Amino acid sequence: EAGFPPGVFSSILIPNERAAAVIRHPAIRAVTLTGSERAGMAVA
C-alpha cells in the first residue's frame, strides 16, 4: 500500500523446517534472525 514495487518486500508462510532450503536458495544473499540460541545456531 505504501508504494513499494512488487517483489521488494514479500512474506512467505512456511514452517521452521523449511527455512534451511530458503537460506540455501541462490537468490538469498544474507540472513537476519531474531530468535532463540537454538535457532541462531541452526541458521548460522
PDB file of all heavy atoms in Angstrom:
ATOM      1  N   GLU A   1       0.828  -1.207   0.000  1.00  0.00           N
ATOM      2  CA  GLU A   1       0.000   0.000   0.000  1.00  0.00           C
ATOM      3  C   GLU A   1       0.863   1.259   0.000  1.00  0.00           C
ATOM      4  O   GLU A   1       0.475   2.287  -0.574  1.00  0.00           O
ATOM      5  CB  GLU A   1      -0.926  -0.001   1.217  1.00  0.00           C
ATOM      6  CG  GLU A   1      -1.898   1.165   1.245  1.00  0.00           C
ATOM      7  CD  GLU A   1      -2.886   1.108   2.387  1.00  0.00           C
ATOM      8  OE1 GLU A   1      -3.036   0.026   2.997  1.00  0.00           O
ATOM      9  OE2 GLU A   1      -3.514   2.148   2.687  1.00  0.00           O
ATOM     10  N   ALA A   2       2.036   1.183   0.614  1.00  0.00           N
ATOM     11  CA  ALA A   2       2.924   2.351   0.670  1.00  0.00           C
ATOM     12  C   ALA A   2       3.565   2.666  -0.672  1.00  0.00           C
ATOM     13  O   ALA A   2       4.154   3.742  -0.833  1.00  0.00           O
ATOM     14  CB  ALA A   2       4.008   2.122   1.723  1.00  0.00           C
ATOM     15  N   GLY A   3       3.480   1.729  -1.611  1.00  0.00           N
ATOM     16  CA  GLY A   3       4.005   2.016  -2.947  1.00  0.00           C
ATOM     17  C   GLY A   3       5.311   1.343  -3.300  1.00  0.00           C
ATOM     18  O   GLY A   3       5.927   1.671  -4.323  1.00  0.00           O
ATOM     19  N   PHE A   4       5.774   0.388  -2.490  1.00  0.00           N
ATOM     20  CA  PHE A   4       6.979  -0.350  -2.861  1.00  0.00           C
ATOM     21  C   PHE A   4       6.673  -1.243  -4.054  1.00  0.00           C
ATOM     22  O   PHE A   4       5.602  -1.866  -4.122  1.00  0.00           O
ATOM     23  CB  PHE A   4       7.473  -1.205  -1.687  1.00  0.00           C
ATOM     24  CG  PHE A   4       8.181  -0.412  -0.623  1.00  0.00           C
ATOM     25  CD1 PHE A   4       7.468   0.190   0.400  1.00  0.00           C
ATOM     26  CD2 PHE A   4       9.557  -0.266  -0.657  1.00  0.00           C
ATOM     27  CE1 PHE A   4       8.114   0.929   1.377  1.00  0.00           C
ATOM     28  CE2 PHE A   4      10.217   0.475   0.319  1.00  0.00           C
ATOM     29  CZ  PHE A   4       9.487   1.077   1.339  1.00  0.00           C
ATOM     30  N   PRO A   5       7.573  -1.344  -5.017  1.00  0.00           N
ATOM     31  CA  PRO A   5       7.332  -2.180  -6.191  1.00  0.00           C
ATOM     32  C   PRO A   5       7.168  -3.646  -5.809  1.00  0.00           C
ATOM     33  O   PRO A   5       7.690  -4.093  -4.783  1.00  0.00           O
ATOM     34  CB  PRO A   5       8.597  -1.974  -7.041  1.00  0.00           C
ATOM     35  CG  PRO A   5       9.162  -0.669  -6.575  1.00  0.00           C
ATOM     36  CD  PRO A   5       8.849  -0.599  -5.120  1.00  0.00           C
ATOM     37  N   PRO A   6       6.449  -4.428  -6.612  1.00  0.00           N
ATOM     38  CA  PRO A   6       6.286  -5.861  -6.347  1.00  0.00           C
ATOM     39  C   PRO A   6       7.646  -6.546  -6.204  1.00  0.00           C
ATOM     40  O   PRO A   6       8.572  -6.278  -6.975  1.00  0.00           O
ATOM     41  CB  PRO A   6       5.541  -6.364  -7.586  1.00  0.00           C
ATOM     42  CG  PRO A   6       4.817  -5.165  -8.097  1.00  0.00           C
ATOM     43  CD  PRO A   6       5.719  -3.999  -7.820  1.00  0.00           C
ATOM     44  N   GLY A   7       7.758  -7.404  -5.208  1.00  0.00           N
ATOM     45  CA  GLY A   7       8.984  -8.161  -5.004  1.00  0.00           C
ATOM     46  C   GLY A   7       9.999  -7.501  -4.100  1.00  0.00           C
ATOM     47  O   GLY A   7      10.966  -8.138  -3.687  1.00  0.00           O
ATOM     48  N   VAL A   8       9.818  -6.227  -3.762  1.00  0.00           N
ATOM     49  CA  VAL A   8      10.778  -5.555  -2.879  1.00  0.00           C
ATOM     50  C   VAL A   8      10.611  -6.021  -1.438  1.00  0.00           C
ATOM     51  O   VAL A   8      11.578  -6.101  -0.687  1.00  0.00           O
ATOM     52  CB  VAL A   8      10.642  -4.024  -2.990  1.00  0.00           C
ATOM     53  CG1 VAL A   8      11.486  -3.313  -1.940  1.00  0.00           C
ATOM     54  CG2 VAL A   8      11.059  -3.568  -4.384  1.00  0.00           C
ATOM     55  N   PHE A   9       9.384  -6.354  -1.056  1.00  0.00           N
ATOM     56  CA  PHE A   9       9.167  -6.962   0.262  1.00  0.00           C
ATOM     57  C   PHE A   9       8.071  -8.011   0.137  1.00  0.00           C
ATOM     58  O   PHE A   9       6.969  -7.704  -0.325  1.00  0.00           O
ATOM     59  CB  PHE A   9       8.774  -5.930   1.320  1.00  0.00           C
ATOM     60  CG  PHE A   9       8.709  -6.524   2.703  1.00  0.00           C
ATOM     61  CD1 PHE A   9       9.818  -6.470   3.530  1.00  0.00           C
ATOM     62  CD2 PHE A   9       7.567  -7.165   3.151  1.00  0.00           C
ATOM     63  CE1 PHE A   9       9.785  -7.052   4.794  1.00  0.00           C
ATOM     64  CE2 PHE A   9       7.524  -7.749   4.417  1.00  0.00           C
ATOM     65  CZ  PHE A   9       8.631  -7.688   5.232  1.00  0.00           C
ATOM     66  N   SER A  10       8.393  -9.246   0.541  1.00  0.00           N
ATOM     67  CA  SER A  10       7.442 -10.353   0.426  1.00  0.00           C
ATOM     68  C   SER A  10       7.433 -11.165   1.714  1.00  0.00           C
ATOM     69  O   SER A  10       8.445 -11.253   2.417  1.00  0.00           O
ATOM     70  CB  SER A  10       7.817 -11.272  -0.737  1.00  0.00           C
ATOM     71  OG  SER A  10       7.954 -10.549  -1.941  1.00  0.00           O
ATOM     72  N   SER A  11       6.287 -11.770   1.999  1.00  0.00           N
ATOM     73  CA  SER A  11       6.179 -12.701   3.125  1.00  0.00           C
ATOM     74  C   SER A  11       5.984 -14.108   2.596  1.00  0.00           C
ATOM     75  O   SER A  11       5.235 -14.319   1.632  1.00  0.00           O
ATOM     76  CB  SER A  11       4.984 -12.336   4.016  1.00  0.00           C
ATOM     77  OG  SER A  11       5.239 -11.192   4.784  1.00  0.00           O
ATOM     78  N   ILE A  12       6.651 -15.066   3.213  1.00  0.00           N
ATOM     79  CA  ILE A  12       6.406 -16.471   2.925  1.00  0.00           C
ATOM     80  C   ILE A  12       5.977 -17.139   4.225  1.00  0.00           C
ATOM     81  O   ILE A  12       6.587 -16.931   5.278  1.00  0.00           O
ATOM     82  CB  ILE A  12       7.645 -17.171   2.326  1.00  0.00           C
ATOM     83  CG1 ILE A  12       8.877 -16.990   3.220  1.00  0.00           C
ATOM     84  CG2 ILE A  12       7.938 -16.660   0.923  1.00  0.00           C
ATOM     85  CD1 ILE A  12      10.102 -17.776   2.756  1.00  0.00           C
ATOM     86  N   LEU A  13       4.915 -17.915   4.164  1.00  0.00           N
ATOM     87  CA  LEU A  13       4.390 -18.617   5.334  1.00  0.00           C
ATOM     88  C   LEU A  13       4.831 -20.069   5.257  1.00  0.00           C
ATOM     89  O   LEU A  13       4.247 -20.877   4.521  1.00  0.00           O
ATOM     90  CB  LEU A  13       2.861 -18.512   5.377  1.00  0.00           C
ATOM     91  CG  LEU A  13       2.279 -17.098   5.334  1.00  0.00           C
ATOM     92  CD1 LEU A  13       0.753 -17.152   5.380  1.00  0.00           C
ATOM     93  CD2 LEU A  13       2.819 -16.242   6.470  1.00  0.00           C
ATOM     94  N   ILE A  14       5.886 -20.384   5.983  1.00  0.00           N
ATOM     95  CA  ILE A  14       6.432 -21.735   5.944  1.00  0.00           C
ATOM     96  C   ILE A  14       6.773 -22.184   7.364  1.00  0.00           C
ATOM     97  O   ILE A  14       7.048 -21.358   8.240  1.00  0.00           O
ATOM     98  CB  ILE A  14       7.700 -21.820   5.067  1.00  0.00           C
ATOM     99  CG1 ILE A  14       8.804 -20.924   5.617  1.00  0.00           C
ATOM    100  CG2 ILE A  14       7.382 -21.480   3.613  1.00  0.00           C
ATOM    101  CD1 ILE A  14      10.146 -21.072   4.901  1.00  0.00           C
ATOM    102  N   PRO A  15       6.770 -23.497   7.629  1.00  0.00           N
ATOM    103  CA  PRO A  15       7.205 -23.978   8.938  1.00  0.00           C
ATOM    104  C   PRO A  15       8.708 -23.817   9.081  1.00  0.00           C
ATOM    105  O   PRO A  15       9.442 -23.673   8.083  1.00  0.00           O
ATOM    106  CB  PRO A  15       6.797 -25.457   8.922  1.00  0.00           C
ATOM    107  CG  PRO A  15       6.784 -25.828   7.472  1.00  0.00           C
ATOM    108  CD  PRO A  15       6.350 -24.596   6.743  1.00  0.00           C
ATOM    109  N   ASN A  16       9.168 -23.862  10.308  1.00  0.00           N
ATOM    110  CA  ASN A  16      10.600 -23.662  10.566  1.00  0.00           C
ATOM    111  C   ASN A  16      11.461 -24.658   9.811  1.00  0.00           C
ATOM    112  O   ASN A  16      12.589 -24.340   9.398  1.00  0.00           O
ATOM    113  CB  ASN A  16      10.870 -23.762  12.065  1.00  0.00           C
ATOM    114  CG  ASN A  16      10.191 -22.660  12.862  1.00  0.00           C
ATOM    115  OD1 ASN A  16       9.924 -21.587  12.314  1.00  0.00           O
ATOM    116  ND2 ASN A  16       9.894 -22.908  14.119  1.00  0.00           N
ATOM    117  N   GLU A  17      10.952 -25.876   9.623  1.00  0.00           N
ATOM    118  CA  GLU A  17      11.749 -26.929   8.988  1.00  0.00           C
ATOM    119  C   GLU A  17      12.089 -26.610   7.536  1.00  0.00           C
ATOM    120  O   GLU A  17      13.029 -27.178   6.976  1.00  0.00           O
ATOM    121  CB  GLU A  17      10.998 -28.267   9.054  1.00  0.00           C
ATOM    122  CG  GLU A  17      10.783 -28.813  10.454  1.00  0.00           C
ATOM    123  CD  GLU A  17       9.712 -28.071  11.242  1.00  0.00           C
ATOM    124  OE1 GLU A  17       8.871 -27.372  10.602  1.00  0.00           O
ATOM    125  OE2 GLU A  17       9.717 -28.155  12.482  1.00  0.00           O
ATOM    126  N   ARG A  18      11.333 -25.713   6.908  1.00  0.00           N
ATOM    127  CA  ARG A  18      11.589 -25.383   5.505  1.00  0.00           C
ATOM    128  C   ARG A  18      12.491 -24.170   5.342  1.00  0.00           C
ATOM    129  O   ARG A  18      12.832 -23.794   4.206  1.00  0.00           O
ATOM    130  CB  ARG A  18      10.259 -25.154   4.777  1.00  0.00           C
ATOM    131  CG  ARG A  18       9.476 -26.437   4.521  1.00  0.00           C
ATOM    132  CD  ARG A  18       8.089 -26.160   3.965  1.00  0.00           C
ATOM    133  NE  ARG A  18       8.130 -25.363   2.737  1.00  0.00           N
ATOM    134  CZ  ARG A  18       7.047 -24.818   2.184  1.00  0.00           C
ATOM    135  NH1 ARG A  18       5.861 -24.974   2.743  1.00  0.00           N
ATOM    136  NH2 ARG A  18       7.153 -24.113   1.067  1.00  0.00           N
ATOM    137  N   ALA A  19      12.899 -23.563   6.441  1.00  0.00           N
ATOM    138  CA  ALA A  19      13.714 -22.352   6.340  1.00  0.00           C
ATOM    139  C   ALA A  19      15.090 -22.630   5.758  1.00  0.00           C
ATOM    140  O   ALA A  19      15.656 -21.797   5.045  1.00  0.00           O
ATOM    141  CB  ALA A  19      13.846 -21.700   7.712  1.00  0.00           C
ATOM    142  N   ALA A  20      15.659 -23.810   6.062  1.00  0.00           N
ATOM    143  CA  ALA A  20      17.010 -24.120   5.584  1.00  0.00           C
ATOM    144  C   ALA A  20      17.084 -24.074   4.056  1.00  0.00           C
ATOM    145  O   ALA A  20      18.061 -23.563   3.485  1.00  0.00           O
ATOM    146  CB  ALA A  20      17.446 -25.488   6.093  1.00  0.00           C
ATOM    147  N   ALA A  21      16.060 -24.590   3.399  1.00  0.00           N
ATOM    148  CA  ALA A  21      16.065 -24.583   1.932  1.00  0.00           C
ATOM    149  C   ALA A  21      16.031 -23.160   1.392  1.00  0.00           C
ATOM    150  O   ALA A  21      16.650 -22.865   0.360  1.00  0.00           O
ATOM    151  CB  ALA A  21      14.874 -25.384   1.408  1.00  0.00           C
ATOM    152  N   VAL A  22      15.331 -22.272   2.081  1.00  0.00           N
ATOM    153  CA  VAL A  22      15.278 -20.877   1.631  1.00  0.00           C
ATOM    154  C   VAL A  22      16.635 -20.206   1.834  1.00  0.00           C
ATOM    155  O   VAL A  22      17.098 -19.442   0.978  1.00  0.00           O
ATOM    156  CB  VAL A  22      14.168 -20.113   2.387  1.00  0.00           C
ATOM    157  CG1 VAL A  22      14.124 -18.651   1.932  1.00  0.00           C
ATOM    158  CG2 VAL A  22      12.817 -20.776   2.161  1.00  0.00           C
ATOM    159  N   ILE A  23      17.282 -20.494   2.951  1.00  0.00           N
ATOM    160  CA  ILE A  23      18.620 -19.942   3.193  1.00  0.00           C
ATOM    161  C   ILE A  23      19.576 -20.363   2.091  1.00  0.00           C
ATOM    162  O   ILE A  23      20.401 -19.569   1.606  1.00  0.00           O
ATOM    163  CB  ILE A  23      19.150 -20.394   4.570  1.00  0.00           C
ATOM    164  CG1 ILE A  23      18.297 -19.789   5.693  1.00  0.00           C
ATOM    165  CG2 ILE A  23      20.616 -19.999   4.748  1.00  0.00           C
ATOM    166  CD1 ILE A  23      18.600 -20.354   7.064  1.00  0.00           C
ATOM    167  N   ARG A  24      19.479 -21.615   1.659  1.00  0.00           N
ATOM    168  CA  ARG A  24      20.388 -22.136   0.628  1.00  0.00           C
ATOM    169  C   ARG A  24      20.076 -21.595  -0.762  1.00  0.00           C
ATOM    170  O   ARG A  24      20.925 -21.659  -1.660  1.00  0.00           O
ATOM    171  CB  ARG A  24      20.314 -23.667   0.596  1.00  0.00           C
ATOM    172  CG  ARG A  24      20.890 -24.358   1.815  1.00  0.00           C
ATOM    173  CD  ARG A  24      21.050 -25.845   1.548  1.00  0.00           C
ATOM    174  NE  ARG A  24      19.776 -26.493   1.269  1.00  0.00           N
ATOM    175  CZ  ARG A  24      19.009 -27.091   2.179  1.00  0.00           C
ATOM    176  NH1 ARG A  24      19.381 -27.094   3.458  1.00  0.00           N
ATOM    177  NH2 ARG A  24      17.874 -27.689   1.837  1.00  0.00           N
ATOM    178  N   HIS A  25      18.894 -21.092  -0.977  1.00  0.00           N
ATOM    179  CA  HIS A  25      18.482 -20.677  -2.323  1.00  0.00           C
ATOM    180  C   HIS A  25      19.443 -19.615  -2.859  1.00  0.00           C
ATOM    181  O   HIS A  25      19.799 -18.672  -2.158  1.00  0.00           O
ATOM    182  CB  HIS A  25      17.057 -20.123  -2.283  1.00  0.00           C
ATOM    183  CG  HIS A  25      16.419 -20.006  -3.617  1.00  0.00           C
ATOM    184  ND1 HIS A  25      16.719 -18.988  -4.497  1.00  0.00           N
ATOM    185  CD2 HIS A  25      15.511 -20.796  -4.251  1.00  0.00           C
ATOM    186  CE1 HIS A  25      16.010 -19.136  -5.607  1.00  0.00           C
ATOM    187  NE2 HIS A  25      15.262 -20.220  -5.489  1.00  0.00           N
ATOM    188  N   PRO A  26      19.850 -19.739  -4.121  1.00  0.00           N
ATOM    189  CA  PRO A  26      20.842 -18.792  -4.666  1.00  0.00           C
ATOM    190  C   PRO A  26      20.367 -17.346  -4.713  1.00  0.00           C
ATOM    191  O   PRO A  26      21.194 -16.429  -4.766  1.00  0.00           O
ATOM    192  CB  PRO A  26      21.100 -19.340  -6.074  1.00  0.00           C
ATOM    193  CG  PRO A  26      19.962 -20.261  -6.379  1.00  0.00           C
ATOM    194  CD  PRO A  26      19.531 -20.823  -5.071  1.00  0.00           C
ATOM    195  N   ALA A  27      19.059 -17.105  -4.681  1.00  0.00           N
ATOM    196  CA  ALA A  27      18.583 -15.722  -4.705  1.00  0.00           C
ATOM    197  C   ALA A  27      18.878 -15.000  -3.398  1.00  0.00           C
ATOM    198  O   ALA A  27      19.069 -13.777  -3.391  1.00  0.00           O
ATOM    199  CB  ALA A  27      17.075 -15.691  -4.982  1.00  0.00           C
ATOM    200  N   ILE A  28      18.924 -15.720  -2.296  1.00  0.00           N
ATOM    201  CA  ILE A  28      19.143 -15.106  -0.980  1.00  0.00           C
ATOM    202  C   ILE A  28      20.624 -14.812  -0.796  1.00  0.00           C
ATOM    203  O   ILE A  28      21.473 -15.689  -0.945  1.00  0.00           O
ATOM    204  CB  ILE A  28      18.623 -16.020   0.149  1.00  0.00           C
ATOM    205  CG1 ILE A  28      17.105 -16.185   0.045  1.00  0.00           C
ATOM    206  CG2 ILE A  28      19.022 -15.484   1.525  1.00  0.00           C
ATOM    207  CD1 ILE A  28      16.325 -14.907   0.204  1.00  0.00           C
ATOM    208  N   ARG A  29      20.940 -13.567  -0.434  1.00  0.00           N
ATOM    209  CA  ARG A  29      22.336 -13.159  -0.271  1.00  0.00           C
ATOM    210  C   ARG A  29      22.759 -13.042   1.195  1.00  0.00           C
ATOM    211  O   ARG A  29      23.966 -13.051   1.486  1.00  0.00           O
ATOM    212  CB  ARG A  29      22.557 -11.808  -0.960  1.00  0.00           C
ATOM    213  CG  ARG A  29      22.270 -11.825  -2.448  1.00  0.00           C
ATOM    214  CD  ARG A  29      23.298 -12.624  -3.225  1.00  0.00           C
ATOM    215  NE  ARG A  29      23.013 -12.624  -4.651  1.00  0.00           N
ATOM    216  CZ  ARG A  29      23.402 -11.660  -5.497  1.00  0.00           C
ATOM    217  NH1 ARG A  29      24.072 -10.619  -5.030  1.00  0.00           N
ATOM    218  NH2 ARG A  29      23.111 -11.727  -6.775  1.00  0.00           N
ATOM    219  N   ALA A  30      21.780 -12.879   2.102  1.00  0.00           N
ATOM    220  CA  ALA A  30      22.111 -12.717   3.518  1.00  0.00           C
ATOM    221  C   ALA A  30      20.886 -13.077   4.349  1.00  0.00           C
ATOM    222  O   ALA A  30      19.764 -13.157   3.826  1.00  0.00           O
ATOM    223  CB  ALA A  30      22.551 -11.280   3.816  1.00  0.00           C
ATOM    224  N   VAL A  31      21.113 -13.302   5.630  1.00  0.00           N
ATOM    225  CA  VAL A  31      20.033 -13.712   6.533  1.00  0.00           C
ATOM    226  C   VAL A  31      20.137 -12.924   7.834  1.00  0.00           C
ATOM    227  O   VAL A  31      21.236 -12.763   8.390  1.00  0.00           O
ATOM    228  CB  VAL A  31      20.099 -15.224   6.859  1.00  0.00           C
ATOM    229  CG1 VAL A  31      18.879 -15.639   7.691  1.00  0.00           C
ATOM    230  CG2 VAL A  31      20.195 -16.057   5.598  1.00  0.00           C
ATOM    231  N   THR A  32      18.997 -12.446   8.316  1.00  0.00           N
ATOM    232  CA  THR A  32      18.945 -11.858   9.653  1.00  0.00           C
ATOM    233  C   THR A  32      17.910 -12.627  10.460  1.00  0.00           C
ATOM    234  O   THR A  32      16.841 -12.969   9.945  1.00  0.00           O
ATOM    235  CB  THR A  32      18.606 -10.357   9.609  1.00  0.00           C
ATOM    236  OG1 THR A  32      18.596  -9.832  10.940  1.00  0.00           O
ATOM    237  CG2 THR A  32      17.259 -10.088   8.963  1.00  0.00           C
ATOM    238  N   LEU A  33      18.251 -12.933  11.697  1.00  0.00           N
ATOM    239  CA  LEU A  33      17.343 -13.691  12.561  1.00  0.00           C
ATOM    240  C   LEU A  33      17.266 -13.055  13.928  1.00  0.00           C
ATOM    241  O   LEU A  33      18.289 -12.665  14.503  1.00  0.00           O
ATOM    242  CB  LEU A  33      17.814 -15.144  12.706  1.00  0.00           C
ATOM    243  CG  LEU A  33      17.046 -15.964  13.752  1.00  0.00           C
ATOM    244  CD1 LEU A  33      16.614 -17.308  13.200  1.00  0.00           C
ATOM    245  CD2 LEU A  33      17.861 -16.178  15.023  1.00  0.00           C
ATOM    246  N   THR A  34      16.062 -12.948  14.448  1.00  0.00           N
ATOM    247  CA  THR A  34      15.848 -12.656  15.859  1.00  0.00           C
ATOM    248  C   THR A  34      15.125 -13.859  16.430  1.00  0.00           C
ATOM    249  O   THR A  34      14.044 -14.223  15.946  1.00  0.00           O
ATOM    250  CB  THR A  34      15.002 -11.387  16.053  1.00  0.00           C
ATOM    251  OG1 THR A  34      15.697 -10.270  15.490  1.00  0.00           O
ATOM    252  CG2 THR A  34      14.763 -11.120  17.526  1.00  0.00           C
ATOM    253  N   GLY A  35      15.725 -14.475  17.443  1.00  0.00           N
ATOM    254  CA  GLY A  35      15.124 -15.696  17.979  1.00  0.00           C
ATOM    255  C   GLY A  35      15.963 -16.311  19.074  1.00  0.00           C
ATOM    256  O   GLY A  35      16.779 -15.639  19.718  1.00  0.00           O
ATOM    257  N   SER A  36      15.806 -17.598  19.253  1.00  0.00           N
ATOM    258  CA  SER A  36      16.465 -18.331  20.329  1.00  0.00           C
ATOM    259  C   SER A  36      17.898 -18.690  19.964  1.00  0.00           C
ATOM    260  O   SER A  36      18.307 -18.611  18.798  1.00  0.00           O
ATOM    261  CB  SER A  36      15.695 -19.616  20.625  1.00  0.00           C
ATOM    262  OG  SER A  36      15.776 -20.505  19.514  1.00  0.00           O
ATOM    263  N   GLU A  37      18.656 -19.104  20.981  1.00  0.00           N
ATOM    264  CA  GLU A  37      20.011 -19.610  20.729  1.00  0.00           C
ATOM    265  C   GLU A  37      19.983 -20.773  19.746  1.00  0.00           C
ATOM    266  O   GLU A  37      20.796 -20.839  18.816  1.00  0.00           O
ATOM    267  CB  GLU A  37      20.646 -20.083  22.035  1.00  0.00           C
ATOM    268  CG  GLU A  37      20.953 -19.018  23.048  1.00  0.00           C
ATOM    269  CD  GLU A  37      21.403 -19.665  24.343  1.00  0.00           C
ATOM    270  OE1 GLU A  37      20.538 -19.987  25.174  1.00  0.00           O
ATOM    271  OE2 GLU A  37      22.624 -19.866  24.518  1.00  0.00           O
ATOM    272  N   ARG A  38      19.066 -21.700  19.973  1.00  0.00           N
ATOM    273  CA  ARG A  38      18.982 -22.881  19.116  1.00  0.00           C
ATOM    274  C   ARG A  38      18.739 -22.477  17.667  1.00  0.00           C
ATOM    275  O   ARG A  38      19.395 -22.973  16.748  1.00  0.00           O
ATOM    276  CB  ARG A  38      17.854 -23.792  19.617  1.00  0.00           C
ATOM    277  CG  ARG A  38      17.630 -25.027  18.742  1.00  0.00           C
ATOM    278  CD  ARG A  38      16.335 -25.730  19.117  1.00  0.00           C
ATOM    279  NE  ARG A  38      15.184 -24.847  19.024  1.00  0.00           N
ATOM    280  CZ  ARG A  38      14.601 -24.510  17.869  1.00  0.00           C
ATOM    281  NH1 ARG A  38      15.076 -24.975  16.715  1.00  0.00           N
ATOM    282  NH2 ARG A  38      13.554 -23.713  17.867  1.00  0.00           N
ATOM    283  N   ALA A  39      17.800 -21.562  17.461  1.00  0.00           N
ATOM    284  CA  ALA A  39      17.511 -21.107  16.101  1.00  0.00           C
ATOM    285  C   ALA A  39      18.719 -20.396  15.502  1.00  0.00           C
ATOM    286  O   ALA A  39      19.050 -20.580  14.323  1.00  0.00           O
ATOM    287  CB  ALA A  39      16.297 -20.183  16.105  1.00  0.00           C
ATOM    288  N   GLY A  40      19.401 -19.585  16.319  1.00  0.00           N
ATOM    289  CA  GLY A  40      20.577 -18.874  15.830  1.00  0.00           C
ATOM    290  C   GLY A  40      21.679 -19.809  15.380  1.00  0.00           C
ATOM    291  O   GLY A  40      22.310 -19.601  14.336  1.00  0.00           O
ATOM    292  N   MET A  41      21.919 -20.844  16.170  1.00  0.00           N
ATOM    293  CA  MET A  41      22.948 -21.817  15.798  1.00  0.00           C
ATOM    294  C   MET A  41      22.598 -22.529  14.498  1.00  0.00           C
ATOM    295  O   MET A  41      23.452 -22.741  13.622  1.00  0.00           O
ATOM    296  CB  MET A  41      23.126 -22.829  16.927  1.00  0.00           C
ATOM    297  CG  MET A  41      23.721 -22.252  18.195  1.00  0.00           C
ATOM    298  SD  MET A  41      23.753 -23.472  19.540  1.00  0.00           S
ATOM    299  CE  MET A  41      24.308 -22.441  20.904  1.00  0.00           C
ATOM    300  N   ALA A  42      21.319 -22.899  14.356  1.00  0.00           N
ATOM    301  CA  ALA A  42      20.892 -23.607  13.152  1.00  0.00           C
ATOM    302  C   ALA A  42      21.010 -22.723  11.918  1.00  0.00           C
ATOM    303  O   ALA A  42      21.505 -23.151  10.869  1.00  0.00           O
ATOM    304  CB  ALA A  42      19.454 -24.095  13.328  1.00  0.00           C
ATOM    305  N   VAL A  43      20.577 -21.469  12.035  1.00  0.00           N
ATOM    306  CA  VAL A  43      20.628 -20.551  10.896  1.00  0.00           C
ATOM    307  C   VAL A  43      22.077 -20.217  10.537  1.00  0.00           C
ATOM    308  O   VAL A  43      22.449 -20.190   9.358  1.00  0.00           O
ATOM    309  CB  VAL A  43      19.822 -19.273  11.205  1.00  0.00           C
ATOM    310  CG1 VAL A  43      20.128 -18.176  10.197  1.00  0.00           C
ATOM    311  CG2 VAL A  43      18.333 -19.581  11.222  1.00  0.00           C
ATOM    312  N   ALA A  44      22.901 -19.962  11.552  1.00  0.00           N
ATOM    313  CA  ALA A  44      24.301 -19.637  11.289  1.00  0.00           C
ATOM    314  C   ALA A  44      25.018 -20.804  10.613  1.00  0.00           C
ATOM    315  O   ALA A  44      25.838 -20.604   9.706  1.00  0.00           O
ATOM    316  CB  ALA A  44      25.007 -19.270  12.590  1.00  0.00           C
TER     317      ALA A  44
END
